[in-house]
Amino acid sequence: MPTSINGWPVLKPGSDQLVTKKIPGVNRSLTLERVCAPLLLAVAHDWDAWIRLIDEGPVDEGGYCYRYSRTGNGWSNHSSGTAVDINWTQEGAQRPPNREFWETPHMVHTMDVMRTIYGPVCDFGVDWHGTNWDPMHVEIKPRITAPMVRAHIKKLGITPAGVRTRNAQGEKIEPRD
C-alpha cells in the first residue's frame, strides 16, 4: 500500500478509514482519516476562534483529497486524510500570502500558541521548497503514528467531535462549542 509523504497509508475514495465531520461551531465539514479527525477538527475549531472565521466567504476548507503532492515528491498528505487547508482563498499558497497579516505581533503570538498546543504532532504553514509558504496548511508530521495521535488527543482532552477541553499542559479548560 502506498503512503503519503508523512508515512500514513494513502486511502482510496470511499475507504472506511475516512470520516466526514462538522467543524465544531462552524457550518463546514472536513473529510479526514478516522484517527486524526478529532485532532484536525480541533485545529480548525481553534483556527476559527483565534485566527480567522471559517464560516465567512466561500467554502475553502479541505481535508482528504486523493492526489499526488503538488511538489511532485510523492502522495500528498491530503491523500491519507492527514492534512487540512483552511481559508485557502485568503491564506493559500495558490495566491501570494498576506505576510503583513501573519507578521503582526498578535498573529505571531497566536501561531506560537497553536504550535505549543498541536506542534508535538502537527506542522503548520509548510514552506514548500523554501519559496512557497503555505500558512493555511496543517498536517500530521512525518514519523507520527496513530498511537501518538491518540495520546495527544487524550492529553488535550479532545472529544470525538473535535472540541479541545485541555491546554497544552493537559490542564482542564472551559471548552467552546
C-alpha atoms as a PDB file:
ATOM      1  CA  MET A   1       0.000   0.000   0.000  1.00  0.00           C
ATOM      2  CA  PRO A   2       1.426   3.411  -0.915  1.00  0.00           C
ATOM      3  CA  THR A   3       1.979   6.001   1.801  1.00  0.00           C
ATOM      4  CA  SER A   4       1.714   9.766   1.796  1.00  0.00           C
ATOM      5  CA  ILE A   5       4.755  11.970   2.406  1.00  0.00           C
ATOM      6  CA  ASN A   6       4.247  11.789   6.185  1.00  0.00           C
ATOM      7  CA  GLY A   7       4.122   7.963   6.101  1.00  0.00           C
ATOM      8  CA  TRP A   8       0.391   7.359   6.579  1.00  0.00           C
ATOM      9  CA  PRO A   9      -1.405   4.939   4.208  1.00  0.00           C
ATOM     10  CA  VAL A  10      -2.930   6.510   1.092  1.00  0.00           C
ATOM     11  CA  LEU A  11      -6.694   5.995   1.250  1.00  0.00           C
ATOM     12  CA  LYS A  12      -8.853   5.408  -1.798  1.00  0.00           C
ATOM     13  CA  PRO A  13     -12.121   7.335  -2.059  1.00  0.00           C
ATOM     14  CA  GLY A  14     -14.838   5.609  -0.029  1.00  0.00           C
ATOM     15  CA  SER A  15     -12.379   3.992   2.411  1.00  0.00           C
ATOM     16  CA  ASP A  16     -13.868   3.114   5.798  1.00  0.00           C
ATOM     17  CA  GLN A  17     -10.839   4.870   7.342  1.00  0.00           C
ATOM     18  CA  LEU A  18     -12.272   8.208   6.172  1.00  0.00           C
ATOM     19  CA  VAL A  19     -14.883  10.150   8.123  1.00  0.00           C
ATOM     20  CA  THR A  20     -16.647  13.386   7.306  1.00  0.00           C
ATOM     21  CA  LYS A  21     -17.390  15.525  10.337  1.00  0.00           C
ATOM     22  CA  LYS A  22     -18.572  19.047  11.007  1.00  0.00           C
ATOM     23  CA  ILE A  23     -16.017  21.519  12.367  1.00  0.00           C
ATOM     24  CA  PRO A  24     -17.293  22.413  15.865  1.00  0.00           C
ATOM     25  CA  GLY A  25     -19.180  25.704  15.950  1.00  0.00           C
ATOM     26  CA  VAL A  26     -18.921  26.141  12.188  1.00  0.00           C
ATOM     27  CA  ASN A  27     -21.237  25.213   9.333  1.00  0.00           C
ATOM     28  CA  ARG A  28     -18.437  23.477   7.401  1.00  0.00           C
ATOM     29  CA  SER A  29     -17.231  19.865   7.310  1.00  0.00           C
ATOM     30  CA  LEU A  30     -13.943  18.095   6.657  1.00  0.00           C
ATOM     31  CA  THR A  31     -13.233  14.570   5.434  1.00  0.00           C
ATOM     32  CA  LEU A  32     -10.276  13.155   7.359  1.00  0.00           C
ATOM     33  CA  GLU A  33      -8.547   9.948   8.390  1.00  0.00           C
ATOM     34  CA  ARG A  34     -10.544   8.411  11.268  1.00  0.00           C
ATOM     35  CA  VAL A  35      -7.801   8.550  13.973  1.00  0.00           C
ATOM     36  CA  CYS A  36      -6.645  12.072  13.049  1.00  0.00           C
ATOM     37  CA  ALA A  37     -10.120  13.564  12.599  1.00  0.00           C
ATOM     38  CA  PRO A  38     -10.717  14.795  16.190  1.00  0.00           C
ATOM     39  CA  LEU A  39      -7.262  16.421  16.317  1.00  0.00           C
ATOM     40  CA  LEU A  40      -7.534  18.192  12.957  1.00  0.00           C
ATOM     41  CA  LEU A  41     -11.115  19.271  13.704  1.00  0.00           C
ATOM     42  CA  ALA A  42      -9.849  20.814  16.965  1.00  0.00           C
ATOM     43  CA  VAL A  43      -7.155  22.676  14.997  1.00  0.00           C
ATOM     44  CA  ALA A  44      -9.850  24.053  12.665  1.00  0.00           C
ATOM     45  CA  HIS A  45     -12.057  24.948  15.647  1.00  0.00           C
ATOM     46  CA  ASP A  46      -9.229  26.913  17.291  1.00  0.00           C
ATOM     47  CA  TRP A  47      -8.334  28.487  13.927  1.00  0.00           C
ATOM     48  CA  ASP A  48     -11.897  29.784  13.631  1.00  0.00           C
ATOM     49  CA  ALA A  49     -11.731  31.276  17.131  1.00  0.00           C
ATOM     50  CA  TRP A  50      -8.209  32.700  17.074  1.00  0.00           C
ATOM     51  CA  ILE A  51      -7.041  33.321  13.514  1.00  0.00           C
ATOM     52  CA  ARG A  52      -9.860  33.947  11.054  1.00  0.00           C
ATOM     53  CA  LEU A  53     -13.511  32.959  10.859  1.00  0.00           C
ATOM     54  CA  ILE A  54     -14.047  29.863   8.751  1.00  0.00           C
ATOM     55  CA  ASP A  55     -17.779  30.321   8.114  1.00  0.00           C
ATOM     56  CA  GLU A  56     -17.332  33.535   6.107  1.00  0.00           C
ATOM     57  CA  GLY A  57     -16.948  33.626   2.346  1.00  0.00           C
ATOM     58  CA  PRO A  58     -16.650  30.634   0.037  1.00  0.00           C
ATOM     59  CA  VAL A  59     -16.250  27.085   1.260  1.00  0.00           C
ATOM     60  CA  ASP A  60     -12.458  26.982   1.174  1.00  0.00           C
ATOM     61  CA  GLU A  61     -11.521  24.340   3.701  1.00  0.00           C
ATOM     62  CA  GLY A  62     -10.453  20.866   2.738  1.00  0.00           C
ATOM     63  CA  GLY A  63      -9.015  17.688   4.147  1.00  0.00           C
ATOM     64  CA  TYR A  64      -8.897  14.413   2.249  1.00  0.00           C
ATOM     65  CA  CYS A  65      -8.111  14.557  -1.463  1.00  0.00           C
ATOM     66  CA  TYR A  66      -6.838  11.543  -3.421  1.00  0.00           C
ATOM     67  CA  ARG A  67      -3.882  13.059  -5.296  1.00  0.00           C
ATOM     68  CA  TYR A  68      -0.130  13.297  -5.603  1.00  0.00           C
ATOM     69  CA  SER A  69       1.698  16.140  -3.915  1.00  0.00           C
ATOM     70  CA  ARG A  70       1.898  19.336  -5.927  1.00  0.00           C
ATOM     71  CA  THR A  71       5.623  19.338  -5.115  1.00  0.00           C
ATOM     72  CA  GLY A  72       5.961  16.114  -7.098  1.00  0.00           C
ATOM     73  CA  ASN A  73       7.689  14.145  -4.341  1.00  0.00           C
ATOM     74  CA  GLY A  74       5.031  11.505  -3.629  1.00  0.00           C
ATOM     75  CA  TRP A  75       1.462  11.179  -2.465  1.00  0.00           C
ATOM     76  CA  SER A  76       0.033  14.285  -0.820  1.00  0.00           C
ATOM     77  CA  ASN A  77      -0.704  14.097   2.907  1.00  0.00           C
ATOM     78  CA  HIS A  78      -4.239  15.030   1.849  1.00  0.00           C
ATOM     79  CA  SER A  79      -4.428  11.587   0.165  1.00  0.00           C
ATOM     80  CA  SER A  80      -4.099   9.945   3.583  1.00  0.00           C
ATOM     81  CA  GLY A  81      -6.605  12.332   5.201  1.00  0.00           C
ATOM     82  CA  THR A  82      -3.871  13.691   7.490  1.00  0.00           C
ATOM     83  CA  ALA A  83      -3.741  17.301   6.249  1.00  0.00           C
ATOM     84  CA  VAL A  84      -6.141  20.233   6.171  1.00  0.00           C
ATOM     85  CA  ASP A  85      -6.226  23.530   4.332  1.00  0.00           C
ATOM     86  CA  ILE A  86      -8.172  26.330   6.000  1.00  0.00           C
ATOM     87  CA  ASN A  87      -9.337  29.553   4.301  1.00  0.00           C
ATOM     88  CA  TRP A  88      -7.246  28.871   1.201  1.00  0.00           C
ATOM     89  CA  THR A  89      -8.694  31.776  -0.774  1.00  0.00           C
ATOM     90  CA  GLN A  90      -7.280  34.162   1.836  1.00  0.00           C
ATOM     91  CA  GLU A  91      -4.121  32.442   3.047  1.00  0.00           C
ATOM     92  CA  GLY A  92      -3.351  29.760   0.469  1.00  0.00           C
ATOM     93  CA  ALA A  93      -0.180  29.168  -1.500  1.00  0.00           C
ATOM     94  CA  GLN A  94      -2.151  29.487  -4.720  1.00  0.00           C
ATOM     95  CA  ARG A  95      -2.046  33.247  -4.246  1.00  0.00           C
ATOM     96  CA  PRO A  96       0.507  35.484  -2.524  1.00  0.00           C
ATOM     97  CA  PRO A  97       0.163  35.051   1.230  1.00  0.00           C
ATOM     98  CA  ASN A  98      -0.751  38.076   3.255  1.00  0.00           C
ATOM     99  CA  ARG A  99       2.543  38.275   5.131  1.00  0.00           C
ATOM    100  CA  GLU A 100       1.500  41.528   6.822  1.00  0.00           C
ATOM    101  CA  PHE A 101      -1.434  39.694   8.442  1.00  0.00           C
ATOM    102  CA  TRP A 102       0.764  36.790   9.619  1.00  0.00           C
ATOM    103  CA  GLU A 103       3.624  39.006  10.833  1.00  0.00           C
ATOM    104  CA  THR A 104       1.560  41.140  13.221  1.00  0.00           C
ATOM    105  CA  PRO A 105       2.532  40.582  16.876  1.00  0.00           C
ATOM    106  CA  HIS A 106      -0.934  39.148  17.541  1.00  0.00           C
ATOM    107  CA  MET A 107      -0.685  36.525  14.754  1.00  0.00           C
ATOM    108  CA  VAL A 108       2.914  35.611  15.643  1.00  0.00           C
ATOM    109  CA  HIS A 109       1.765  35.014  19.226  1.00  0.00           C
ATOM    110  CA  THR A 110      -1.357  33.139  18.088  1.00  0.00           C
ATOM    111  CA  MET A 111       0.667  30.793  15.866  1.00  0.00           C
ATOM    112  CA  ASP A 112       3.117  30.241  18.738  1.00  0.00           C
ATOM    113  CA  VAL A 113       0.150  29.185  20.891  1.00  0.00           C
ATOM    114  CA  MET A 114      -1.177  26.888  18.138  1.00  0.00           C
ATOM    115  CA  ARG A 115       2.274  25.295  17.750  1.00  0.00           C
ATOM    116  CA  THR A 116       2.567  24.847  21.515  1.00  0.00           C
ATOM    117  CA  ILE A 117      -0.777  23.054  21.632  1.00  0.00           C
ATOM    118  CA  TYR A 118      -0.600  21.000  18.434  1.00  0.00           C
ATOM    119  CA  GLY A 119       3.082  21.174  17.448  1.00  0.00           C
ATOM    120  CA  PRO A 120       4.122  17.871  19.004  1.00  0.00           C
ATOM    121  CA  VAL A 121       2.174  16.087  16.229  1.00  0.00           C
ATOM    122  CA  CYS A 122       1.304  18.774  13.617  1.00  0.00           C
ATOM    123  CA  ASP A 123       3.232  21.038  11.258  1.00  0.00           C
ATOM    124  CA  PHE A 124       1.756  24.445  10.435  1.00  0.00           C
ATOM    125  CA  GLY A 125       2.300  26.625   7.377  1.00  0.00           C
ATOM    126  CA  VAL A 126       4.606  24.335   5.488  1.00  0.00           C
ATOM    127  CA  ASP A 127       7.185  26.107   3.308  1.00  0.00           C
ATOM    128  CA  TRP A 128       7.305  24.135   0.046  1.00  0.00           C
ATOM    129  CA  HIS A 129      10.829  24.337  -1.422  1.00  0.00           C
ATOM    130  CA  GLY A 130      11.614  27.485   0.600  1.00  0.00           C
ATOM    131  CA  THR A 131       9.666  29.678  -1.804  1.00  0.00           C
ATOM    132  CA  ASN A 132       6.011  28.819  -1.382  1.00  0.00           C
ATOM    133  CA  TRP A 133       4.957  29.468   2.203  1.00  0.00           C
ATOM    134  CA  ASP A 134       1.540  27.892   2.792  1.00  0.00           C
ATOM    135  CA  PRO A 135       0.162  29.333   6.058  1.00  0.00           C
ATOM    136  CA  MET A 136      -3.266  27.717   5.756  1.00  0.00           C
ATOM    137  CA  HIS A 137      -1.875  24.157   5.534  1.00  0.00           C
ATOM    138  CA  VAL A 138      -1.750  21.945   8.657  1.00  0.00           C
ATOM    139  CA  GLU A 139      -0.577  18.319   8.556  1.00  0.00           C
ATOM    140  CA  ILE A 140       0.406  15.422  10.754  1.00  0.00           C
ATOM    141  CA  LYS A 141       4.207  15.404  10.973  1.00  0.00           C
ATOM    142  CA  PRO A 142       6.316  12.634   9.446  1.00  0.00           C
ATOM    143  CA  ARG A 143       7.054   9.722  11.808  1.00  0.00           C
ATOM    144  CA  ILE A 144       3.968  10.497  13.925  1.00  0.00           C
ATOM    145  CA  THR A 145       1.989   7.282  14.395  1.00  0.00           C
ATOM    146  CA  ALA A 146      -1.676   6.609  15.160  1.00  0.00           C
ATOM    147  CA  PRO A 147      -0.869   5.777  18.832  1.00  0.00           C
ATOM    148  CA  MET A 148       0.989   9.105  19.121  1.00  0.00           C
ATOM    149  CA  VAL A 149      -2.005  10.983  17.669  1.00  0.00           C
ATOM    150  CA  ARG A 150      -4.364   9.166  20.060  1.00  0.00           C
ATOM    151  CA  ALA A 151      -2.099  10.036  23.010  1.00  0.00           C
ATOM    152  CA  HIS A 152      -2.063  13.721  22.021  1.00  0.00           C
ATOM    153  CA  ILE A 153      -5.851  13.724  21.598  1.00  0.00           C
ATOM    154  CA  LYS A 154      -6.142  12.237  25.086  1.00  0.00           C
ATOM    155  CA  LYS A 155      -3.678  14.750  26.599  1.00  0.00           C
ATOM    156  CA  LEU A 156      -5.622  17.659  25.093  1.00  0.00           C
ATOM    157  CA  GLY A 157      -8.970  16.135  26.078  1.00  0.00           C
ATOM    158  CA  ILE A 158     -10.255  16.390  22.518  1.00  0.00           C
ATOM    159  CA  THR A 159     -13.740  14.958  22.120  1.00  0.00           C
ATOM    160  CA  PRO A 160     -14.633  12.772  19.104  1.00  0.00           C
ATOM    161  CA  ALA A 161     -16.365  15.871  17.664  1.00  0.00           C
ATOM    162  CA  GLY A 162     -13.122  17.879  17.837  1.00  0.00           C
ATOM    163  CA  VAL A 163     -13.669  20.055  20.915  1.00  0.00           C
ATOM    164  CA  ARG A 164     -10.495  20.541  22.979  1.00  0.00           C
ATOM    165  CA  THR A 165     -11.030  20.500  26.774  1.00  0.00           C
ATOM    166  CA  ARG A 166      -7.386  20.735  27.951  1.00  0.00           C
ATOM    167  CA  ASN A 167      -4.497  23.118  27.284  1.00  0.00           C
ATOM    168  CA  ALA A 168      -1.003  22.186  26.092  1.00  0.00           C
ATOM    169  CA  GLN A 169      -0.038  21.227  29.653  1.00  0.00           C
ATOM    170  CA  GLY A 170      -3.037  18.902  29.934  1.00  0.00           C
ATOM    171  CA  GLU A 171      -4.871  21.187  32.375  1.00  0.00           C
ATOM    172  CA  LYS A 172      -8.655  21.403  32.090  1.00  0.00           C
ATOM    173  CA  ILE A 173     -10.060  24.430  30.270  1.00  0.00           C
ATOM    174  CA  GLU A 174     -13.595  25.593  29.578  1.00  0.00           C
ATOM    175  CA  PRO A 175     -14.458  24.113  26.165  1.00  0.00           C
ATOM    176  CA  ARG A 176     -16.154  26.219  23.493  1.00  0.00           C
ATOM    177  CA  ASP A 177     -18.992  24.966  21.299  1.00  0.00           C
END
